[in-house]
Amino acid sequence: MMARNHALPLKHQAEMRGISRSGLYYLPRPVSDADPALVHRIDALHLEHPFAGSRMLRDMLRVEGFAVGRDKVVTLMCHMGIEALYRRPNTSKPAPGHMVFPYLLRNRAITRPNEVWPMDITYLRMARGFVYLAVVLDWATRRALAWRLSTTLTADVCIEALEEALARLGKPLIFNTDQGSQFTSEAFIGVLLVHRIEISMDGKGAWRDNVFVERLWRTIMYEEVYLKAYDSVAEARASIGQYLDFYNGCRPHSSLGGRTPDVAYWATTPEAVAA
């Protein structure tokens, strides 16, 4: 946190934190009137063609009549927190102080509730602008254990959802995420280490490593988000909360033998057996 009224000049504060001083004076600009339709179309194309990068999306948009360049598409994709999904070598370096862990789930049969909890963040569009949804999921039963909606991609939102799941439902053997900065931050990793939970992370860009969360995102998009046009964050939070209650308690899954996630989760957890 930078303090403008601190005795230490901003220049020295920036140097101590290893960040550029120029970034301290940047004021975010609101999305222009022309952008929402473009953002919504990029969102839909990304869901339909997750392998499409900025060049392909630019060409698809131009065919549809959008006068847009690649730089604009790249900028909006960054704001939305999306990228082309495909396997590639891990050539990226984590941010200073951030930790990356190996992927522990390959060839592992995951059959029990609370064996593995994956977590991820996705972009959700509104009538104007967008928000981010973070969800903690139970791998074996597909149950959404905790979630948060936010206008920013920050670690504290993910920590709140994680701590809620831990407080209400115990802890998993393994917690799996991607290598996003929210999940590799010292604060987020610290919560998992305090609870002695094994940490697993997907390979960079390897979306299939967290495939069940990707399926949840697709389900939420088609069954909830694309049918609505949220006018506010509060409206989005209420509507998504209602949908996730339906998803957990009323929506049967063929992979669960026609059971709902709630039934599958509570039928075999220690708490249910004790009761």
C-alpha atoms as a PDB file:
ATOM      1  CA  MET A   1       0.000   0.000   0.000  1.00  0.00           C
ATOM      2  CA  MET A   2       1.492   3.333  -1.047  1.00  0.00           C
ATOM      3  CA  ALA A   3       1.042   6.283   1.374  1.00  0.00           C
ATOM      4  CA  ARG A   4       1.063   9.676  -0.339  1.00  0.00           C
ATOM      5  CA  ASN A   5       1.256  11.522   2.986  1.00  0.00           C
ATOM      6  CA  HIS A   6       4.192   9.457   4.288  1.00  0.00           C
ATOM      7  CA  ALA A   7       7.465  11.171   5.158  1.00  0.00           C
ATOM      8  CA  LEU A   8       9.256   8.875   2.699  1.00  0.00           C
ATOM      9  CA  PRO A   9       8.897  10.209  -0.882  1.00  0.00           C
ATOM     10  CA  LEU A  10       6.792   8.156  -3.311  1.00  0.00           C
ATOM     11  CA  LYS A  11       9.877   7.566  -5.442  1.00  0.00           C
ATOM     12  CA  HIS A  12      11.619   5.779  -2.568  1.00  0.00           C
ATOM     13  CA  GLN A  13       8.464   3.867  -1.601  1.00  0.00           C
ATOM     14  CA  ALA A  14       8.175   2.594  -5.179  1.00  0.00           C
ATOM     15  CA  GLU A  15      11.843   1.572  -5.245  1.00  0.00           C
ATOM     16  CA  MET A  16      11.479  -0.344  -1.967  1.00  0.00           C
ATOM     17  CA  ARG A  17       8.482  -2.252  -3.351  1.00  0.00           C
ATOM     18  CA  GLY A  18      10.107  -2.901  -6.711  1.00  0.00           C
ATOM     19  CA  ILE A  19       7.407  -1.193  -8.786  1.00  0.00           C
ATOM     20  CA  SER A  20       7.429   1.566 -11.384  1.00  0.00           C
ATOM     21  CA  ARG A  21       6.779   5.051 -10.022  1.00  0.00           C
ATOM     22  CA  SER A  22       4.806   5.958 -13.157  1.00  0.00           C
ATOM     23  CA  GLY A  23       2.123   3.429 -12.166  1.00  0.00           C
ATOM     24  CA  LEU A  24       1.328   5.464  -9.052  1.00  0.00           C
ATOM     25  CA  TYR A  25      -0.140   8.275 -11.135  1.00  0.00           C
ATOM     26  CA  TYR A  26      -2.313   6.181 -13.454  1.00  0.00           C
ATOM     27  CA  LEU A  27      -6.064   6.714 -13.101  1.00  0.00           C
ATOM     28  CA  PRO A  28      -8.210   3.917 -14.567  1.00  0.00           C
ATOM     29  CA  ARG A  29     -10.500   4.994 -17.394  1.00  0.00           C
ATOM     30  CA  PRO A  30     -14.113   3.786 -17.594  1.00  0.00           C
ATOM     31  CA  VAL A  31     -15.136   1.460 -20.395  1.00  0.00           C
ATOM     32  CA  SER A  32     -16.298   3.485 -23.412  1.00  0.00           C
ATOM     33  CA  ASP A  33     -19.867   3.320 -24.680  1.00  0.00           C
ATOM     34  CA  ALA A  34     -18.757   1.285 -27.709  1.00  0.00           C
ATOM     35  CA  ASP A  35     -16.980  -1.387 -25.674  1.00  0.00           C
ATOM     36  CA  PRO A  36     -19.767  -3.343 -23.888  1.00  0.00           C
ATOM     37  CA  ALA A  37     -21.077  -4.951 -27.093  1.00  0.00           C
ATOM     38  CA  LEU A  38     -17.514  -5.794 -28.126  1.00  0.00           C
ATOM     39  CA  VAL A  39     -16.699  -7.188 -24.673  1.00  0.00           C
ATOM     40  CA  HIS A  40     -19.832  -9.329 -24.681  1.00  0.00           C
ATOM     41  CA  ARG A  41     -19.047 -10.714 -28.124  1.00  0.00           C
ATOM     42  CA  ILE A  42     -15.447 -11.538 -27.163  1.00  0.00           C
ATOM     43  CA  ASP A  43     -16.824 -13.335 -24.113  1.00  0.00           C
ATOM     44  CA  ALA A  44     -19.217 -15.427 -26.234  1.00  0.00           C
ATOM     45  CA  LEU A  45     -16.555 -16.256 -28.845  1.00  0.00           C
ATOM     46  CA  HIS A  46     -14.069 -17.227 -26.144  1.00  0.00           C
ATOM     47  CA  LEU A  47     -16.574 -19.626 -24.590  1.00  0.00           C
ATOM     48  CA  GLU A  48     -17.371 -21.172 -27.987  1.00  0.00           C
ATOM     49  CA  HIS A  49     -13.753 -21.242 -29.208  1.00  0.00           C
ATOM     50  CA  PRO A  50     -11.472 -21.248 -26.134  1.00  0.00           C
ATOM     51  CA  PHE A  51      -8.424 -21.968 -28.318  1.00  0.00           C
ATOM     52  CA  ALA A  52      -8.820 -18.659 -30.206  1.00  0.00           C
ATOM     53  CA  GLY A  53      -6.136 -16.084 -29.459  1.00  0.00           C
ATOM     54  CA  SER A  54      -6.258 -12.331 -30.021  1.00  0.00           C
ATOM     55  CA  ARG A  55      -5.484 -12.588 -33.753  1.00  0.00           C
ATOM     56  CA  MET A  56      -8.206 -15.129 -34.442  1.00  0.00           C
ATOM     57  CA  LEU A  57     -10.724 -13.250 -32.311  1.00  0.00           C
ATOM     58  CA  ARG A  58      -9.866 -10.015 -34.131  1.00  0.00           C
ATOM     59  CA  ASP A  59     -10.518 -11.676 -37.500  1.00  0.00           C
ATOM     60  CA  MET A  60     -13.791 -13.246 -36.284  1.00  0.00           C
ATOM     61  CA  LEU A  61     -14.957  -9.874 -34.979  1.00  0.00           C
ATOM     62  CA  ARG A  62     -14.078  -8.120 -38.222  1.00  0.00           C
ATOM     63  CA  VAL A  63     -16.133 -10.661 -40.177  1.00  0.00           C
ATOM     64  CA  GLU A  64     -19.067  -9.755 -37.915  1.00  0.00           C
ATOM     65  CA  GLY A  65     -18.638  -6.046 -38.633  1.00  0.00           C
ATOM     66  CA  PHE A  66     -16.602  -4.873 -35.621  1.00  0.00           C
ATOM     67  CA  ALA A  67     -13.921  -2.338 -36.602  1.00  0.00           C
ATOM     68  CA  VAL A  68     -11.308  -3.499 -34.126  1.00  0.00           C
ATOM     69  CA  GLY A  69      -7.567  -4.039 -34.082  1.00  0.00           C
ATOM     70  CA  ARG A  70      -5.553  -6.697 -32.306  1.00  0.00           C
ATOM     71  CA  ASP A  71      -4.273  -4.262 -29.652  1.00  0.00           C
ATOM     72  CA  LYS A  72      -7.842  -3.464 -28.638  1.00  0.00           C
ATOM     73  CA  VAL A  73      -8.724  -7.170 -28.425  1.00  0.00           C
ATOM     74  CA  VAL A  74      -5.623  -7.858 -26.306  1.00  0.00           C
ATOM     75  CA  THR A  75      -6.496  -4.973 -23.955  1.00  0.00           C
ATOM     76  CA  LEU A  76     -10.061  -6.163 -23.446  1.00  0.00           C
ATOM     77  CA  MET A  77      -8.968  -9.789 -22.959  1.00  0.00           C
ATOM     78  CA  CYS A  78      -6.562  -8.623 -20.237  1.00  0.00           C
ATOM     79  CA  HIS A  79      -9.320  -6.629 -18.510  1.00  0.00           C
ATOM     80  CA  MET A  80     -11.589  -9.686 -18.708  1.00  0.00           C
ATOM     81  CA  GLY A  81      -8.907 -12.042 -17.396  1.00  0.00           C
ATOM     82  CA  ILE A  82      -9.157 -14.482 -20.320  1.00  0.00           C
ATOM     83  CA  GLU A  83      -6.597 -15.982 -22.694  1.00  0.00           C
ATOM     84  CA  ALA A  84      -6.453 -18.664 -25.351  1.00  0.00           C
ATOM     85  CA  LEU A  85      -6.511 -22.108 -23.745  1.00  0.00           C
ATOM     86  CA  TYR A  86      -3.980 -24.599 -25.059  1.00  0.00           C
ATOM     87  CA  ARG A  87      -1.064 -26.635 -23.782  1.00  0.00           C
ATOM     88  CA  ARG A  88       2.313 -24.954 -24.003  1.00  0.00           C
ATOM     89  CA  PRO A  89       5.663 -25.013 -22.212  1.00  0.00           C
ATOM     90  CA  ASN A  90       5.786 -23.183 -18.899  1.00  0.00           C
ATOM     91  CA  THR A  91       8.059 -20.309 -19.864  1.00  0.00           C
ATOM     92  CA  SER A  92       6.563 -17.707 -17.532  1.00  0.00           C
ATOM     93  CA  LYS A  93       8.116 -16.654 -14.249  1.00  0.00           C
ATOM     94  CA  PRO A  94       6.063 -16.067 -11.098  1.00  0.00           C
ATOM     95  CA  ALA A  95       5.930 -12.604  -9.601  1.00  0.00           C
ATOM     96  CA  PRO A  96       8.561 -11.838  -6.944  1.00  0.00           C
ATOM     97  CA  GLY A  97       7.653 -13.617  -3.712  1.00  0.00           C
ATOM     98  CA  HIS A  98       5.082 -15.867  -5.386  1.00  0.00           C
ATOM     99  CA  MET A  99       5.334 -19.641  -5.126  1.00  0.00           C
ATOM    100  CA  VAL A 100       4.422 -22.287  -7.723  1.00  0.00           C
ATOM    101  CA  PHE A 101       3.717 -25.918  -6.817  1.00  0.00           C
ATOM    102  CA  PRO A 102       3.636 -29.090  -8.966  1.00  0.00           C
ATOM    103  CA  TYR A 103       0.441 -30.639 -10.330  1.00  0.00           C
ATOM    104  CA  LEU A 104      -0.518 -33.594  -8.083  1.00  0.00           C
ATOM    105  CA  LEU A 105      -3.684 -34.941  -9.719  1.00  0.00           C
ATOM    106  CA  ARG A 106      -2.420 -36.576 -12.907  1.00  0.00           C
ATOM    107  CA  ASN A 107      -3.571 -40.232 -13.067  1.00  0.00           C
ATOM    108  CA  ARG A 108      -5.126 -39.923  -9.604  1.00  0.00           C
ATOM    109  CA  ALA A 109      -8.606 -41.423  -9.134  1.00  0.00           C
ATOM    110  CA  ILE A 110     -10.608 -38.860  -7.137  1.00  0.00           C
ATOM    111  CA  THR A 111     -13.729 -40.515  -5.731  1.00  0.00           C
ATOM    112  CA  ARG A 112     -14.392 -39.041  -2.272  1.00  0.00           C
ATOM    113  CA  PRO A 113     -15.793 -35.688  -1.120  1.00  0.00           C
ATOM    114  CA  ASN A 114     -13.160 -33.407   0.434  1.00  0.00           C
ATOM    115  CA  GLU A 115     -10.369 -35.317  -1.287  1.00  0.00           C
ATOM    116  CA  VAL A 116      -9.628 -32.500  -3.749  1.00  0.00           C
ATOM    117  CA  TRP A 117     -10.989 -28.961  -3.857  1.00  0.00           C
ATOM    118  CA  PRO A 118     -10.258 -27.000  -7.032  1.00  0.00           C
ATOM    119  CA  MET A 119     -10.708 -23.237  -7.223  1.00  0.00           C
ATOM    120  CA  ASP A 120     -10.782 -20.814 -10.119  1.00  0.00           C
ATOM    121  CA  ILE A 121     -11.936 -17.355 -11.209  1.00  0.00           C
ATOM    122  CA  THR A 122     -13.958 -16.465 -14.285  1.00  0.00           C
ATOM    123  CA  TYR A 123     -15.241 -13.307 -15.941  1.00  0.00           C
ATOM    124  CA  LEU A 124     -19.002 -12.651 -16.014  1.00  0.00           C
ATOM    125  CA  ARG A 125     -20.550  -9.939 -18.147  1.00  0.00           C
ATOM    126  CA  MET A 126     -23.261  -7.519 -17.030  1.00  0.00           C
ATOM    127  CA  ALA A 127     -25.428  -5.140 -19.009  1.00  0.00           C
ATOM    128  CA  ARG A 128     -22.541  -2.683 -18.673  1.00  0.00           C
ATOM    129  CA  GLY A 129     -19.132  -3.764 -17.505  1.00  0.00           C
ATOM    130  CA  PHE A 130     -18.218  -7.078 -15.926  1.00  0.00           C
ATOM    131  CA  VAL A 131     -17.424  -8.816 -12.652  1.00  0.00           C
ATOM    132  CA  TYR A 132     -15.350 -11.799 -11.548  1.00  0.00           C
ATOM    133  CA  LEU A 133     -16.671 -14.964  -9.916  1.00  0.00           C
ATOM    134  CA  ALA A 134     -14.396 -17.075  -7.689  1.00  0.00           C
ATOM    135  CA  VAL A 135     -15.627 -20.545  -6.682  1.00  0.00           C
ATOM    136  CA  VAL A 136     -14.296 -23.341  -4.479  1.00  0.00           C
ATOM    137  CA  LEU A 137     -15.571 -26.680  -5.831  1.00  0.00           C
ATOM    138  CA  ASP A 138     -15.518 -30.247  -4.549  1.00  0.00           C
ATOM    139  CA  TRP A 139     -13.926 -32.300  -7.336  1.00  0.00           C
ATOM    140  CA  ALA A 140     -15.663 -35.635  -6.714  1.00  0.00           C
ATOM    141  CA  THR A 141     -19.224 -34.320  -6.281  1.00  0.00           C
ATOM    142  CA  ARG A 142     -19.086 -31.068  -8.338  1.00  0.00           C
ATOM    143  CA  ARG A 143     -20.572 -29.193  -5.367  1.00  0.00           C
ATOM    144  CA  ALA A 144     -19.904 -25.451  -5.166  1.00  0.00           C
ATOM    145  CA  LEU A 145     -18.610 -25.064  -1.600  1.00  0.00           C
ATOM    146  CA  ALA A 146     -18.073 -21.298  -1.411  1.00  0.00           C
ATOM    147  CA  TRP A 147     -17.979 -18.365  -3.813  1.00  0.00           C
ATOM    148  CA  ARG A 148     -17.371 -14.642  -4.060  1.00  0.00           C
ATOM    149  CA  LEU A 149     -18.247 -12.007  -6.659  1.00  0.00           C
ATOM    150  CA  SER A 150     -15.972  -9.014  -7.128  1.00  0.00           C
ATOM    151  CA  THR A 151     -15.179  -6.178  -9.508  1.00  0.00           C
ATOM    152  CA  THR A 152     -11.439  -6.811  -9.132  1.00  0.00           C
ATOM    153  CA  LEU A 153      -9.042  -9.727  -9.529  1.00  0.00           C
ATOM    154  CA  THR A 154      -7.436  -9.694  -6.084  1.00  0.00           C
ATOM    155  CA  ALA A 155      -6.211 -12.380  -3.720  1.00  0.00           C
ATOM    156  CA  ASP A 156      -8.368 -11.230  -0.797  1.00  0.00           C
ATOM    157  CA  VAL A 157     -11.572 -12.255  -2.612  1.00  0.00           C
ATOM    158  CA  CYS A 158     -10.180 -15.765  -3.143  1.00  0.00           C
ATOM    159  CA  ILE A 159      -8.999 -15.957   0.463  1.00  0.00           C
ATOM    160  CA  GLU A 160     -12.481 -15.055   1.739  1.00  0.00           C
ATOM    161  CA  ALA A 161     -14.080 -17.871  -0.280  1.00  0.00           C
ATOM    162  CA  LEU A 162     -11.387 -20.345   0.783  1.00  0.00           C
ATOM    163  CA  GLU A 163     -11.711 -19.458   4.474  1.00  0.00           C
ATOM    164  CA  GLU A 164     -15.503 -19.767   4.317  1.00  0.00           C
ATOM    165  CA  ALA A 165     -15.242 -23.269   2.827  1.00  0.00           C
ATOM    166  CA  LEU A 166     -12.679 -24.315   5.449  1.00  0.00           C
ATOM    167  CA  ALA A 167     -14.764 -22.922   8.328  1.00  0.00           C
ATOM    168  CA  ARG A 168     -17.988 -24.589   7.206  1.00  0.00           C
ATOM    169  CA  LEU A 169     -16.801 -27.883   5.719  1.00  0.00           C
ATOM    170  CA  GLY A 170     -13.451 -28.904   7.163  1.00  0.00           C
ATOM    171  CA  LYS A 171     -10.531 -29.209   4.771  1.00  0.00           C
ATOM    172  CA  PRO A 172      -9.504 -31.220   1.698  1.00  0.00           C
ATOM    173  CA  LEU A 173      -6.436 -33.388   1.285  1.00  0.00           C
ATOM    174  CA  ILE A 174      -5.387 -31.417  -1.814  1.00  0.00           C
ATOM    175  CA  PHE A 175      -6.253 -27.921  -3.036  1.00  0.00           C
ATOM    176  CA  ASN A 176      -5.823 -27.348  -6.775  1.00  0.00           C
ATOM    177  CA  THR A 177      -5.633 -24.021  -8.661  1.00  0.00           C
ATOM    178  CA  ASP A 178      -3.988 -22.550 -11.720  1.00  0.00           C
ATOM    179  CA  GLN A 179      -0.858 -20.383 -11.481  1.00  0.00           C
ATOM    180  CA  GLY A 180      -2.734 -17.070 -11.335  1.00  0.00           C
ATOM    181  CA  SER A 181      -1.188 -14.394  -9.150  1.00  0.00           C
ATOM    182  CA  GLN A 182      -4.138 -14.578  -6.736  1.00  0.00           C
ATOM    183  CA  PHE A 183      -3.358 -18.233  -5.978  1.00  0.00           C
ATOM    184  CA  THR A 184       0.438 -17.956  -5.874  1.00  0.00           C
ATOM    185  CA  SER A 185       0.436 -14.983  -3.512  1.00  0.00           C
ATOM    186  CA  GLU A 186       2.015 -15.386  -0.084  1.00  0.00           C
ATOM    187  CA  ALA A 187      -1.271 -14.598   1.664  1.00  0.00           C
ATOM    188  CA  PHE A 188      -3.288 -17.245  -0.201  1.00  0.00           C
ATOM    189  CA  ILE A 189      -0.612 -19.946   0.056  1.00  0.00           C
ATOM    190  CA  GLY A 190      -0.232 -19.126   3.743  1.00  0.00           C
ATOM    191  CA  VAL A 191      -3.841 -20.110   4.487  1.00  0.00           C
ATOM    192  CA  LEU A 192      -3.311 -23.537   2.878  1.00  0.00           C
ATOM    193  CA  LEU A 193      -0.008 -24.106   4.671  1.00  0.00           C
ATOM    194  CA  VAL A 194      -1.488 -23.209   8.066  1.00  0.00           C
ATOM    195  CA  HIS A 195      -4.165 -25.877   7.535  1.00  0.00           C
ATOM    196  CA  ARG A 196      -1.564 -28.388   6.279  1.00  0.00           C
ATOM    197  CA  ILE A 197      -3.294 -28.891   2.949  1.00  0.00           C
ATOM    198  CA  GLU A 198      -1.291 -30.255   0.010  1.00  0.00           C
ATOM    199  CA  ILE A 199      -1.071 -27.709  -2.811  1.00  0.00           C
ATOM    200  CA  SER A 200      -1.443 -28.604  -6.477  1.00  0.00           C
ATOM    201  CA  MET A 201      -1.212 -26.194  -9.415  1.00  0.00           C
ATOM    202  CA  ASP A 202      -2.058 -26.659 -13.081  1.00  0.00           C
ATOM    203  CA  GLY A 203       0.572 -26.284 -15.751  1.00  0.00           C
ATOM    204  CA  LYS A 204       0.597 -22.823 -17.365  1.00  0.00           C
ATOM    205  CA  GLY A 205      -2.295 -22.663 -19.824  1.00  0.00           C
ATOM    206  CA  ALA A 206      -3.264 -26.298 -19.155  1.00  0.00           C
ATOM    207  CA  TRP A 207      -6.983 -25.742 -18.652  1.00  0.00           C
ATOM    208  CA  ARG A 208      -7.756 -29.472 -18.766  1.00  0.00           C
ATOM    209  CA  ASP A 209      -5.937 -29.925 -15.447  1.00  0.00           C
ATOM    210  CA  ASN A 210      -8.896 -28.155 -13.807  1.00  0.00           C
ATOM    211  CA  VAL A 211     -11.537 -29.433 -16.224  1.00  0.00           C
ATOM    212  CA  PHE A 212     -14.423 -29.709 -13.748  1.00  0.00           C
ATOM    213  CA  VAL A 213     -14.230 -26.019 -12.882  1.00  0.00           C
ATOM    214  CA  GLU A 214     -14.176 -25.207 -16.609  1.00  0.00           C
ATOM    215  CA  ARG A 215     -17.359 -27.251 -17.002  1.00  0.00           C
ATOM    216  CA  LEU A 216     -18.964 -25.335 -14.132  1.00  0.00           C
ATOM    217  CA  TRP A 217     -18.113 -22.049 -15.852  1.00  0.00           C
ATOM    218  CA  ARG A 218     -19.723 -23.214 -19.087  1.00  0.00           C
ATOM    219  CA  THR A 219     -22.843 -24.355 -17.223  1.00  0.00           C
ATOM    220  CA  ILE A 220     -23.193 -21.050 -15.371  1.00  0.00           C
ATOM    221  CA  MET A 221     -22.698 -19.073 -18.591  1.00  0.00           C
ATOM    222  CA  TYR A 222     -25.368 -20.879 -20.594  1.00  0.00           C
ATOM    223  CA  GLU A 223     -27.903 -21.538 -17.835  1.00  0.00           C
ATOM    224  CA  GLU A 224     -27.619 -18.238 -15.945  1.00  0.00           C
ATOM    225  CA  VAL A 225     -25.403 -15.415 -17.216  1.00  0.00           C
ATOM    226  CA  TYR A 226     -26.370 -15.450 -20.912  1.00  0.00           C
ATOM    227  CA  LEU A 227     -30.061 -15.415 -19.962  1.00  0.00           C
ATOM    228  CA  LYS A 228     -29.705 -12.321 -17.800  1.00  0.00           C
ATOM    229  CA  ALA A 229     -28.464  -8.743 -18.159  1.00  0.00           C
ATOM    230  CA  TYR A 230     -27.427  -7.709 -14.650  1.00  0.00           C
ATOM    231  CA  ASP A 231     -27.784  -3.971 -14.070  1.00  0.00           C
ATOM    232  CA  SER A 232     -25.658  -3.924 -10.924  1.00  0.00           C
ATOM    233  CA  VAL A 233     -23.180  -5.990  -8.935  1.00  0.00           C
ATOM    234  CA  ALA A 234     -25.811  -6.477  -6.221  1.00  0.00           C
ATOM    235  CA  GLU A 235     -28.266  -7.887  -8.770  1.00  0.00           C
ATOM    236  CA  ALA A 236     -25.590 -10.167 -10.207  1.00  0.00           C
ATOM    237  CA  ARG A 237     -24.636 -11.421  -6.726  1.00  0.00           C
ATOM    238  CA  ALA A 238     -28.245 -12.221  -5.792  1.00  0.00           C
ATOM    239  CA  SER A 239     -29.046 -13.941  -9.085  1.00  0.00           C
ATOM    240  CA  ILE A 240     -25.858 -16.010  -9.178  1.00  0.00           C
ATOM    241  CA  GLY A 241     -26.401 -17.010  -5.543  1.00  0.00           C
ATOM    242  CA  GLN A 242     -29.861 -18.293  -6.418  1.00  0.00           C
ATOM    243  CA  TYR A 243     -28.478 -20.181  -9.393  1.00  0.00           C
ATOM    244  CA  LEU A 244     -25.720 -21.856  -7.358  1.00  0.00           C
ATOM    245  CA  ASP A 245     -28.305 -22.939  -4.776  1.00  0.00           C
ATOM    246  CA  PHE A 246     -30.241 -24.517  -7.652  1.00  0.00           C
ATOM    247  CA  TYR A 247     -27.048 -26.031  -9.081  1.00  0.00           C
ATOM    248  CA  ASN A 248     -26.133 -27.655  -5.773  1.00  0.00           C
ATOM    249  CA  GLY A 249     -29.570 -28.708  -4.582  1.00  0.00           C
ATOM    250  CA  CYS A 250     -31.817 -29.272  -7.590  1.00  0.00           C
ATOM    251  CA  ARG A 251     -29.800 -29.814 -10.764  1.00  0.00           C
ATOM    252  CA  PRO A 252     -29.061 -33.541 -11.350  1.00  0.00           C
ATOM    253  CA  HIS A 253     -25.744 -34.567 -12.915  1.00  0.00           C
ATOM    254  CA  SER A 254     -25.391 -37.574 -15.208  1.00  0.00           C
ATOM    255  CA  SER A 255     -21.822 -38.085 -13.923  1.00  0.00           C
ATOM    256  CA  LEU A 256     -23.294 -38.459 -10.403  1.00  0.00           C
ATOM    257  CA  GLY A 257     -25.838 -41.059 -11.453  1.00  0.00           C
ATOM    258  CA  GLY A 258     -28.617 -38.475 -11.655  1.00  0.00           C
ATOM    259  CA  ARG A 259     -27.970 -37.166  -8.147  1.00  0.00           C
ATOM    260  CA  THR A 260     -27.503 -33.531  -7.266  1.00  0.00           C
ATOM    261  CA  PRO A 261     -24.145 -32.290  -5.933  1.00  0.00           C
ATOM    262  CA  ASP A 262     -25.695 -31.782  -2.477  1.00  0.00           C
ATOM    263  CA  VAL A 263     -26.906 -35.388  -2.292  1.00  0.00           C
ATOM    264  CA  ALA A 264     -23.596 -36.765  -3.579  1.00  0.00           C
ATOM    265  CA  TYR A 265     -21.564 -34.629  -1.170  1.00  0.00           C
ATOM    266  CA  TRP A 266     -23.525 -35.175   2.029  1.00  0.00           C
ATOM    267  CA  ALA A 267     -24.185 -38.881   1.428  1.00  0.00           C
ATOM    268  CA  THR A 268     -20.556 -39.845   1.957  1.00  0.00           C
ATOM    269  CA  THR A 269     -18.956 -37.144   4.100  1.00  0.00           C
ATOM    270  CA  PRO A 270     -17.979 -38.021   7.695  1.00  0.00           C
ATOM    271  CA  GLU A 271     -20.486 -35.465   8.996  1.00  0.00           C
ATOM    272  CA  ALA A 272     -23.366 -37.241   7.261  1.00  0.00           C
ATOM    273  CA  VAL A 273     -22.251 -40.676   8.474  1.00  0.00           C
ATOM    274  CA  ALA A 274     -21.982 -39.425  12.058  1.00  0.00           C
ATOM    275  CA  ALA A 275     -25.455 -37.929  11.890  1.00  0.00           C
END
